[in-house]
């Protein structure tokens, strides 16, 4: 599985961005998809996950109510809608995938895409 994240950029605090994660392969619909982020000088952290059907999601407490993860199996793409962005959301965002559960993706992602930089100015 190859993953390609896009959609990052510079936005003012309070603004919105939507990240996309395009995938290759015919089995996209069978994968749990997720997003992680890494702020400058900090470790990579879990942001959100969505199960294979799109019927269940999981979020880090820091983004609950502001970020929404979704996936369109027909387009082999996962999304992260980010609203009410704050400077502390500034990070490189990575999409990830796992063939099994959201918990496994959260703890040991199997596939990683290249990151996309999100910068939120105050």
C-alpha atoms as a PDB file:
ATOM      1  CA  UNK A   1       0.000   0.000   0.000  1.00  0.00           C
ATOM      2  CA  UNK A   2       1.378   3.387  -0.982  1.00  0.00           C
ATOM      3  CA  UNK A   3       0.045   6.513   0.664  1.00  0.00           C
ATOM      4  CA  UNK A   4       0.352  10.119  -0.454  1.00  0.00           C
ATOM      5  CA  UNK A   5      -0.769  12.960   1.784  1.00  0.00           C
ATOM      6  CA  UNK A   6      -1.592  16.414   0.470  1.00  0.00           C
ATOM      7  CA  UNK A   7      -3.499  19.546   1.362  1.00  0.00           C
ATOM      8  CA  UNK A   8      -1.225  21.142   3.891  1.00  0.00           C
ATOM      9  CA  UNK A   9      -0.441  24.824   3.898  1.00  0.00           C
ATOM     10  CA  UNK A  10      -0.429  28.041   5.857  1.00  0.00           C
ATOM     11  CA  UNK A  11      -3.632  29.121   7.555  1.00  0.00           C
ATOM     12  CA  UNK A  12      -4.562  31.662  10.201  1.00  0.00           C
ATOM     13  CA  UNK A  13      -5.764  30.593  13.607  1.00  0.00           C
ATOM     14  CA  UNK A  14      -9.458  29.770  13.481  1.00  0.00           C
ATOM     15  CA  UNK A  15      -9.241  28.688   9.875  1.00  0.00           C
ATOM     16  CA  UNK A  16      -9.763  25.327   8.214  1.00  0.00           C
ATOM     17  CA  UNK A  17      -7.875  22.904   5.998  1.00  0.00           C
ATOM     18  CA  UNK A  18      -8.694  19.547   4.500  1.00  0.00           C
ATOM     19  CA  UNK A  19      -5.969  16.991   4.121  1.00  0.00           C
ATOM     20  CA  UNK A  20      -6.205  14.142   1.654  1.00  0.00           C
ATOM     21  CA  UNK A  21      -4.500  10.766   1.644  1.00  0.00           C
ATOM     22  CA  UNK A  22      -4.545   9.027  -1.701  1.00  0.00           C
ATOM     23  CA  UNK A  23      -3.713   5.361  -1.742  1.00  0.00           C
ATOM     24  CA  UNK A  24      -2.750   2.809  -4.314  1.00  0.00           C
ATOM     25  CA  UNK A  25      -3.995  -0.737  -4.495  1.00  0.00           C
ATOM     26  CA  UNK A  26      -7.327  -2.422  -4.853  1.00  0.00           C
ATOM     27  CA  UNK A  27      -7.777  -3.277  -1.195  1.00  0.00           C
ATOM     28  CA  UNK A  28      -8.109   0.253   0.181  1.00  0.00           C
ATOM     29  CA  UNK A  29     -11.575  -0.535   1.464  1.00  0.00           C
ATOM     30  CA  UNK A  30     -10.148  -3.195   3.756  1.00  0.00           C
ATOM     31  CA  UNK A  31      -7.729  -0.924   5.570  1.00  0.00           C
ATOM     32  CA  UNK A  32      -8.030   1.153   8.676  1.00  0.00           C
ATOM     33  CA  UNK A  33      -6.781   4.639   7.846  1.00  0.00           C
ATOM     34  CA  UNK A  34      -5.445   7.265  10.158  1.00  0.00           C
ATOM     35  CA  UNK A  35      -3.543  10.480  10.659  1.00  0.00           C
ATOM     36  CA  UNK A  36      -0.608  11.318  12.865  1.00  0.00           C
ATOM     37  CA  UNK A  37       1.289  14.544  13.319  1.00  0.00           C
ATOM     38  CA  UNK A  38       4.719  15.607  14.402  1.00  0.00           C
ATOM     39  CA  UNK A  39       5.344  19.087  15.693  1.00  0.00           C
ATOM     40  CA  UNK A  40       8.850  20.587  15.562  1.00  0.00           C
ATOM     41  CA  UNK A  41      11.059  19.004  18.175  1.00  0.00           C
ATOM     42  CA  UNK A  42       8.379  16.603  19.338  1.00  0.00           C
ATOM     43  CA  UNK A  43       7.505  12.976  18.785  1.00  0.00           C
ATOM     44  CA  UNK A  44       4.922  11.821  16.291  1.00  0.00           C
ATOM     45  CA  UNK A  45       1.461  11.521  17.804  1.00  0.00           C
ATOM     46  CA  UNK A  46      -1.821   9.953  16.868  1.00  0.00           C
ATOM     47  CA  UNK A  47      -4.535  12.290  15.585  1.00  0.00           C
ATOM     48  CA  UNK A  48      -7.430  10.260  14.167  1.00  0.00           C
ATOM     49  CA  UNK A  49      -8.416   6.889  12.740  1.00  0.00           C
ATOM     50  CA  UNK A  50     -11.317   5.433  10.784  1.00  0.00           C
ATOM     51  CA  UNK A  51     -12.184   1.790  10.340  1.00  0.00           C
ATOM     52  CA  UNK A  52     -12.400  -0.022   7.031  1.00  0.00           C
ATOM     53  CA  UNK A  53     -16.087   0.674   6.469  1.00  0.00           C
ATOM     54  CA  UNK A  54     -15.993   4.247   7.688  1.00  0.00           C
ATOM     55  CA  UNK A  55     -18.500   3.430  10.366  1.00  0.00           C
ATOM     56  CA  UNK A  56     -16.246   3.977  13.355  1.00  0.00           C
ATOM     57  CA  UNK A  57     -13.750   6.690  14.201  1.00  0.00           C
ATOM     58  CA  UNK A  58     -11.272   7.503  16.925  1.00  0.00           C
ATOM     59  CA  UNK A  59      -9.702  10.836  17.813  1.00  0.00           C
ATOM     60  CA  UNK A  60      -7.025  12.219  20.041  1.00  0.00           C
ATOM     61  CA  UNK A  61      -8.526  14.336  22.806  1.00  0.00           C
ATOM     62  CA  UNK A  62      -6.740  17.412  21.501  1.00  0.00           C
ATOM     63  CA  UNK A  63      -8.664  17.386  18.213  1.00  0.00           C
ATOM     64  CA  UNK A  64     -12.083  16.050  19.229  1.00  0.00           C
ATOM     65  CA  UNK A  65     -14.862  18.316  18.032  1.00  0.00           C
ATOM     66  CA  UNK A  66     -12.553  20.146  15.620  1.00  0.00           C
ATOM     67  CA  UNK A  67     -11.223  17.483  13.252  1.00  0.00           C
ATOM     68  CA  UNK A  68     -13.200  14.954  11.239  1.00  0.00           C
ATOM     69  CA  UNK A  69     -11.756  11.920   9.523  1.00  0.00           C
ATOM     70  CA  UNK A  70     -13.526  10.276   6.607  1.00  0.00           C
ATOM     71  CA  UNK A  71     -12.806   7.951   3.703  1.00  0.00           C
ATOM     72  CA  UNK A  72     -14.247   7.286   0.290  1.00  0.00           C
ATOM     73  CA  UNK A  73     -13.460   3.735  -0.705  1.00  0.00           C
ATOM     74  CA  UNK A  74     -14.590   4.391  -4.259  1.00  0.00           C
ATOM     75  CA  UNK A  75     -11.881   7.030  -4.558  1.00  0.00           C
ATOM     76  CA  UNK A  76      -9.224   5.206  -2.531  1.00  0.00           C
ATOM     77  CA  UNK A  77      -8.853   8.360  -0.467  1.00  0.00           C
ATOM     78  CA  UNK A  78      -9.021   9.303   3.184  1.00  0.00           C
ATOM     79  CA  UNK A  79      -9.569  12.853   4.420  1.00  0.00           C
ATOM     80  CA  UNK A  80      -8.964  14.909   7.516  1.00  0.00           C
ATOM     81  CA  UNK A  81     -11.129  17.995   7.808  1.00  0.00           C
ATOM     82  CA  UNK A  82      -9.527  20.369  10.284  1.00  0.00           C
ATOM     83  CA  UNK A  83     -11.555  23.262  11.666  1.00  0.00           C
ATOM     84  CA  UNK A  84     -10.872  25.884  14.321  1.00  0.00           C
ATOM     85  CA  UNK A  85      -7.162  25.451  13.790  1.00  0.00           C
ATOM     86  CA  UNK A  86      -4.810  26.766  16.436  1.00  0.00           C
ATOM     87  CA  UNK A  87      -1.053  27.424  16.418  1.00  0.00           C
ATOM     88  CA  UNK A  88      -0.503  24.249  18.444  1.00  0.00           C
ATOM     89  CA  UNK A  89      -1.864  22.270  15.484  1.00  0.00           C
ATOM     90  CA  UNK A  90       1.210  23.257  13.501  1.00  0.00           C
ATOM     91  CA  UNK A  91       2.963  20.042  12.481  1.00  0.00           C
ATOM     92  CA  UNK A  92       3.797  17.695   9.681  1.00  0.00           C
ATOM     93  CA  UNK A  93       0.764  15.487   9.174  1.00  0.00           C
ATOM     94  CA  UNK A  94       1.209  11.885   8.073  1.00  0.00           C
ATOM     95  CA  UNK A  95      -1.395   9.441   6.903  1.00  0.00           C
ATOM     96  CA  UNK A  96      -1.095   5.812   7.896  1.00  0.00           C
ATOM     97  CA  UNK A  97      -2.821   2.514   7.273  1.00  0.00           C
ATOM     98  CA  UNK A  98      -3.237  -0.853   8.921  1.00  0.00           C
ATOM     99  CA  UNK A  99      -5.108  -3.946   7.713  1.00  0.00           C
ATOM    100  CA  UNK A 100      -6.626  -4.792  11.075  1.00  0.00           C
ATOM    101  CA  UNK A 101      -7.973  -2.553  13.843  1.00  0.00           C
ATOM    102  CA  UNK A 102      -7.951   1.107  14.786  1.00  0.00           C
ATOM    103  CA  UNK A 103      -6.110   0.201  17.983  1.00  0.00           C
ATOM    104  CA  UNK A 104      -3.360  -1.479  15.992  1.00  0.00           C
ATOM    105  CA  UNK A 105      -3.113   1.501  13.681  1.00  0.00           C
ATOM    106  CA  UNK A 106      -2.917   3.797  16.673  1.00  0.00           C
ATOM    107  CA  UNK A 107      -0.093   1.841  18.283  1.00  0.00           C
ATOM    108  CA  UNK A 108       1.810   0.286  15.365  1.00  0.00           C
ATOM    109  CA  UNK A 109       0.869   1.665  11.955  1.00  0.00           C
ATOM    110  CA  UNK A 110       1.920  -0.669   9.174  1.00  0.00           C
ATOM    111  CA  UNK A 111       2.103   1.776   6.266  1.00  0.00           C
ATOM    112  CA  UNK A 112       3.119   5.418   6.200  1.00  0.00           C
ATOM    113  CA  UNK A 113       2.808   8.144   3.647  1.00  0.00           C
ATOM    114  CA  UNK A 114       5.027  11.152   3.214  1.00  0.00           C
ATOM    115  CA  UNK A 115       3.911  14.041   5.351  1.00  0.00           C
ATOM    116  CA  UNK A 116       2.283  17.323   4.504  1.00  0.00           C
ATOM    117  CA  UNK A 117       3.106  20.456   6.473  1.00  0.00           C
ATOM    118  CA  UNK A 118       0.378  22.416   8.224  1.00  0.00           C
ATOM    119  CA  UNK A 119       1.321  25.798   9.640  1.00  0.00           C
ATOM    120  CA  UNK A 120      -1.159  27.793  11.714  1.00  0.00           C
ATOM    121  CA  UNK A 121      -0.301  31.404  12.357  1.00  0.00           C
ATOM    122  CA  UNK A 122      -1.586  33.312  15.347  1.00  0.00           C
END
